[in-house]
Amino acid sequence: MSVRGVRPSNDDELVDRARRGDAGAFGELVRRHQNEVYTVALRMVADRHLAYDVAQDAFVRAWRAIGRFRGDAQFSTWIHRVTVNTALTHRDRRSRTRADSLEEDFREPEAEGLSPERAAESAEIRPHLEAALVALPDTLRAVVVLKDVYDWSHADIAGELGITVTAAKVRLHRARSRLRSALRTHREGDR
């Protein structure tokens, strides 16, 4: 369905219209980006129900701040940052226990061209990797998700989390080490 009968070709046009108060244009941006925002939220908070709240709050914050969006980055990058900040705020606001799994809603797009053997190995390891990711402290999980899933730079991660670039690198190293250790323990247990 299009906004006012004309489907804009890109997000920039929708952002411009949303800045002028066009709620329909912002609604189209939400429709286009809702799945990715939910996925970012889920990876950050590792709780399906909380991720819905985070995603909804992220869009509310984005609507309120759309007039300040300078357009230096793509809308998708900006809404990711808003989502990460919202997830961190929820985490800080709630002292909740971590979920035991990422559940079935956490899915990566399948990599094209995987051999059947490699795909089977990946499918076998995936639940253990997800459990290890959830077991990480929030501070480490945030860095590894932003770097390894979303390919953010260390500088962007540091800026987003309010830490130094060195701290971002150290946290990433610690997170990866813990993940490797958890997978190694799983493999040794299978022998």
Foldseek 3Di string as FASTA:
>chain_A
DDQVPDNDPDLVVLLVVLLVVPVSSLVVVCVVCVLVLLLLLCLLQLDNVVSVVLSVVLSVVCSVCSNVPPPPDGVNVVSSLSSNLSSVVVCVVDVDDFDQFSPPSNDDPDDPPDDPVRVVVCVVCVRLLRRLLSPDPSVLSQLQCCCVVVNDQLCVSCVSVVHDSVVSVVSPVVSVVSSVVSSVVVVVVVD
